[in-house]
């Protein structure tokens, strides 16, 4: 069974192993350090709402206005039902540490990652992105490139997406699933 080592030193203080056969990341040293992804469900609505409206998260949205519950509820229910959208929730032990969302259109798949504000700055964004991409590829086998649109002053996200393999193209970052090259604008 092939394994891919991912550094988790900032959070877990050890190495994590990704098992491509079952799609779960696991700590080599302690089972209590498992980080995994599951598909979002309606029961995640409150957590996502709280994260989306936290000031440290909101400032990195292109529209930084606070979201009302009614608007969030409509948006979340629509995304869960949308066949072109996949949302995963990331867990460390039993703590929800963030989410990653993939939204396909006719040419690309938009990627968005959001961490639980309690887990910001702990080096988890990279693992969530890498795990999300691996899980998406395994489950959905997309034939389109992934993109991430990031505000230019969100330096942490820019660096994290680049470390995950996204290449800058103007203000968009591209992760090419098919191995094609892109010209940066």
Protein backbone atom coordinates (compact mmCIF):
# COMPACT_ATOMS: atom_id res chain seq x y z
CA UNK A 1 0.00 0.00 0.00
CA UNK A 2 1.69 3.31 -1.05
CA UNK A 3 2.13 5.97 1.62
CA UNK A 4 2.82 9.70 1.31
CA UNK A 5 4.43 11.40 4.30
CA UNK A 6 3.04 14.79 5.25
CA UNK A 7 4.69 16.95 7.91
CA UNK A 8 2.29 17.83 10.72
CA UNK A 9 4.96 19.12 13.11
CA UNK A 10 3.35 22.46 13.93
CA UNK A 11 0.17 20.82 15.19
CA UNK A 12 0.99 17.25 16.09
CA UNK A 13 4.75 17.26 16.59
CA UNK A 14 5.23 14.17 14.41
CA UNK A 15 4.76 12.82 10.90
CA UNK A 16 1.42 11.87 9.37
CA UNK A 17 0.92 9.12 6.84
CA UNK A 18 -1.61 9.36 4.03
CA UNK A 19 -3.04 6.02 3.03
CA UNK A 20 -4.16 6.38 -0.60
CA UNK A 21 -6.19 3.17 -0.38
CA UNK A 22 -8.73 4.37 2.17
CA UNK A 23 -8.33 8.15 1.79
CA UNK A 24 -7.52 8.88 5.45
CA UNK A 25 -4.51 10.62 6.92
CA UNK A 26 -3.18 8.98 10.04
CA UNK A 27 -0.47 9.79 12.54
CA UNK A 28 2.44 7.36 12.67
CA UNK A 29 2.85 7.68 16.42
CA UNK A 30 -0.54 8.02 18.11
CA UNK A 31 -4.01 7.09 16.91
CA UNK A 32 -5.27 10.15 18.82
CA UNK A 33 -3.59 12.35 16.19
CA UNK A 34 -5.76 11.24 13.27
CA UNK A 35 -6.82 13.96 10.86
CA UNK A 36 -9.55 12.98 8.42
CA UNK A 37 -12.17 14.35 6.04
CA UNK A 38 -15.85 13.55 5.73
CA UNK A 39 -18.49 14.93 3.38
CA UNK A 40 -20.37 17.86 4.87
CA UNK A 41 -23.86 17.20 6.15
CA UNK A 42 -26.73 19.38 7.31
CA UNK A 43 -25.47 18.93 10.90
CA UNK A 44 -22.41 21.03 9.94
CA UNK A 45 -24.52 24.10 9.18
CA UNK A 46 -23.96 25.87 12.53
CA UNK A 47 -20.19 25.38 12.56
CA UNK A 48 -19.81 26.64 9.00
CA UNK A 49 -22.03 29.63 9.83
CA UNK A 50 -19.91 30.54 12.87
CA UNK A 51 -16.64 30.12 10.95
CA UNK A 52 -17.86 32.15 7.96
CA UNK A 53 -18.82 35.07 10.22
CA UNK A 54 -15.74 35.11 12.43
CA UNK A 55 -13.82 38.38 11.88
CA UNK A 56 -10.51 36.58 11.24
CA UNK A 57 -12.17 34.53 8.49
CA UNK A 58 -14.52 37.18 7.10
CA UNK A 59 -11.66 39.62 6.36
CA UNK A 60 -10.32 37.19 3.74
CA UNK A 61 -13.59 36.90 1.82
CA UNK A 62 -14.00 39.04 -1.30
CA UNK A 63 -17.31 40.19 0.24
CA UNK A 64 -16.44 40.79 3.89
CA UNK A 65 -19.98 41.65 5.04
CA UNK A 66 -21.39 39.46 7.82
CA UNK A 67 -23.77 36.77 6.55
CA UNK A 68 -27.29 36.50 7.97
CA UNK A 69 -28.53 33.14 9.20
CA UNK A 70 -31.26 33.05 6.53
CA UNK A 71 -28.77 33.71 3.73
CA UNK A 72 -26.35 31.12 5.12
CA UNK A 73 -29.08 28.51 5.50
CA UNK A 74 -30.21 28.98 1.88
CA UNK A 75 -26.60 28.93 0.61
CA UNK A 76 -25.60 25.85 2.65
CA UNK A 77 -28.66 23.81 1.70
CA UNK A 78 -28.19 24.73 -1.97
CA UNK A 79 -24.49 23.70 -1.87
CA UNK A 80 -25.27 20.36 -0.21
CA UNK A 81 -27.78 19.54 -2.97
CA UNK A 82 -25.63 20.86 -5.85
CA UNK A 83 -24.09 17.96 -7.80
CA UNK A 84 -21.27 20.27 -8.95
CA UNK A 85 -20.26 21.11 -5.36
CA UNK A 86 -18.37 18.92 -2.91
CA UNK A 87 -17.73 20.05 0.67
CA UNK A 88 -15.52 18.12 3.09
CA UNK A 89 -15.22 18.76 6.82
CA UNK A 90 -11.77 18.18 8.33
CA UNK A 91 -11.44 16.65 11.80
CA UNK A 92 -8.57 16.27 14.25
CA UNK A 93 -9.65 13.70 16.82
CA UNK A 94 -13.28 14.86 17.29
CA UNK A 95 -12.64 18.55 16.66
CA UNK A 96 -13.85 20.10 13.44
CA UNK A 97 -10.78 21.97 12.22
CA UNK A 98 -12.05 23.31 8.90
CA UNK A 99 -13.63 22.68 5.54
CA UNK A 100 -12.69 22.55 1.89
CA UNK A 101 -15.18 23.17 -0.90
CA UNK A 102 -14.90 22.31 -4.59
CA UNK A 103 -17.32 23.91 -7.08
CA UNK A 104 -17.15 22.72 -10.68
CA UNK A 105 -18.24 24.79 -13.65
CA UNK A 106 -17.86 24.04 -17.35
CA UNK A 107 -14.08 24.63 -17.41
CA UNK A 108 -12.54 24.48 -13.89
CA UNK A 109 -13.18 23.54 -10.27
CA UNK A 110 -13.04 26.43 -7.78
CA UNK A 111 -11.39 25.48 -4.50
CA UNK A 112 -12.07 27.20 -1.19
CA UNK A 113 -10.66 26.29 2.19
CA UNK A 114 -11.80 27.66 5.53
CA UNK A 115 -10.38 26.78 8.92
CA UNK A 116 -12.15 26.81 12.24
CA UNK A 117 -10.84 30.07 13.79
CA UNK A 118 -9.61 28.09 16.81
CA UNK A 119 -7.16 26.27 14.52
CA UNK A 120 -5.77 29.22 12.54
CA UNK A 121 -1.98 29.52 12.40
CA UNK A 122 -1.34 25.89 13.32
CA UNK A 123 -0.25 24.67 9.89
CA UNK A 124 -3.44 22.75 9.14
CA UNK A 125 -4.50 24.57 5.98
CA UNK A 126 -1.94 22.76 3.84
CA UNK A 127 -3.04 19.35 5.09
CA UNK A 128 -6.72 20.17 4.52
CA UNK A 129 -5.99 21.29 0.95
CA UNK A 130 -3.83 18.26 0.11
CA UNK A 131 -6.24 15.82 1.71
CA UNK A 132 -9.22 17.46 0.02
CA UNK A 133 -7.62 17.25 -3.42
CA UNK A 134 -6.64 13.60 -2.91
CA UNK A 135 -10.14 12.71 -1.72
CA UNK A 136 -11.80 14.62 -4.58
CA UNK A 137 -9.60 12.88 -7.15
CA UNK A 138 -10.26 9.47 -5.61
CA UNK A 139 -14.03 9.90 -5.28
CA UNK A 140 -14.96 12.04 -8.27
CA UNK A 141 -12.08 11.66 -10.75
CA UNK A 142 -12.42 15.22 -12.12
CA UNK A 143 -10.88 16.00 -15.49
CA UNK A 144 -10.62 19.74 -14.85
CA UNK A 145 -7.97 21.91 -13.23
CA UNK A 146 -8.58 23.29 -9.76
CA UNK A 147 -8.36 27.01 -9.14
CA UNK A 148 -8.28 29.11 -5.97
CA UNK A 149 -9.17 32.80 -6.04
CA UNK A 150 -7.40 34.50 -3.15
CA UNK A 151 -7.32 38.12 -2.04
CA UNK A 152 -3.84 39.53 -2.71
CA UNK A 153 -3.39 40.59 0.94
CA UNK A 154 -4.17 37.07 2.22
CA UNK A 155 -0.49 36.09 2.21
CA UNK A 156 -0.96 33.01 4.42
CA UNK A 157 -3.48 31.47 2.00
CA UNK A 158 -1.39 32.35 -1.03
CA UNK A 159 1.67 30.62 0.46
CA UNK A 160 -0.37 27.62 1.58
CA UNK A 161 -1.98 27.06 -1.82
CA UNK A 162 1.42 27.40 -3.50
CA UNK A 163 2.90 24.81 -1.11
CA UNK A 164 -0.01 22.54 -2.04
CA UNK A 165 1.03 22.71 -5.69
CA UNK A 166 -1.11 25.56 -7.04
CA UNK A 167 0.64 27.87 -9.52
CA UNK A 168 -0.03 31.60 -9.70
CA UNK A 169 -1.87 32.86 -12.76
CA UNK A 170 -2.73 36.53 -12.19
CA UNK A 171 -4.79 36.59 -8.99
CA UNK A 172 -5.88 32.99 -9.52
CA UNK A 173 -3.94 29.94 -8.38
CA UNK A 174 -4.23 26.80 -10.51
CA UNK A 175 -3.69 23.14 -9.59
CA UNK A 176 -3.63 21.24 -12.86
CA UNK A 177 -4.92 17.69 -12.41
CA UNK A 178 -3.99 16.76 -15.98
CA UNK A 179 -0.38 17.99 -15.82
CA UNK A 180 -0.83 20.71 -18.45
CA UNK A 181 1.16 23.92 -18.12
CA UNK A 182 -0.34 27.40 -17.90
CA UNK A 183 1.09 30.79 -18.68
CA UNK A 184 1.04 33.15 -15.72
CA UNK A 185 -0.63 36.48 -16.43
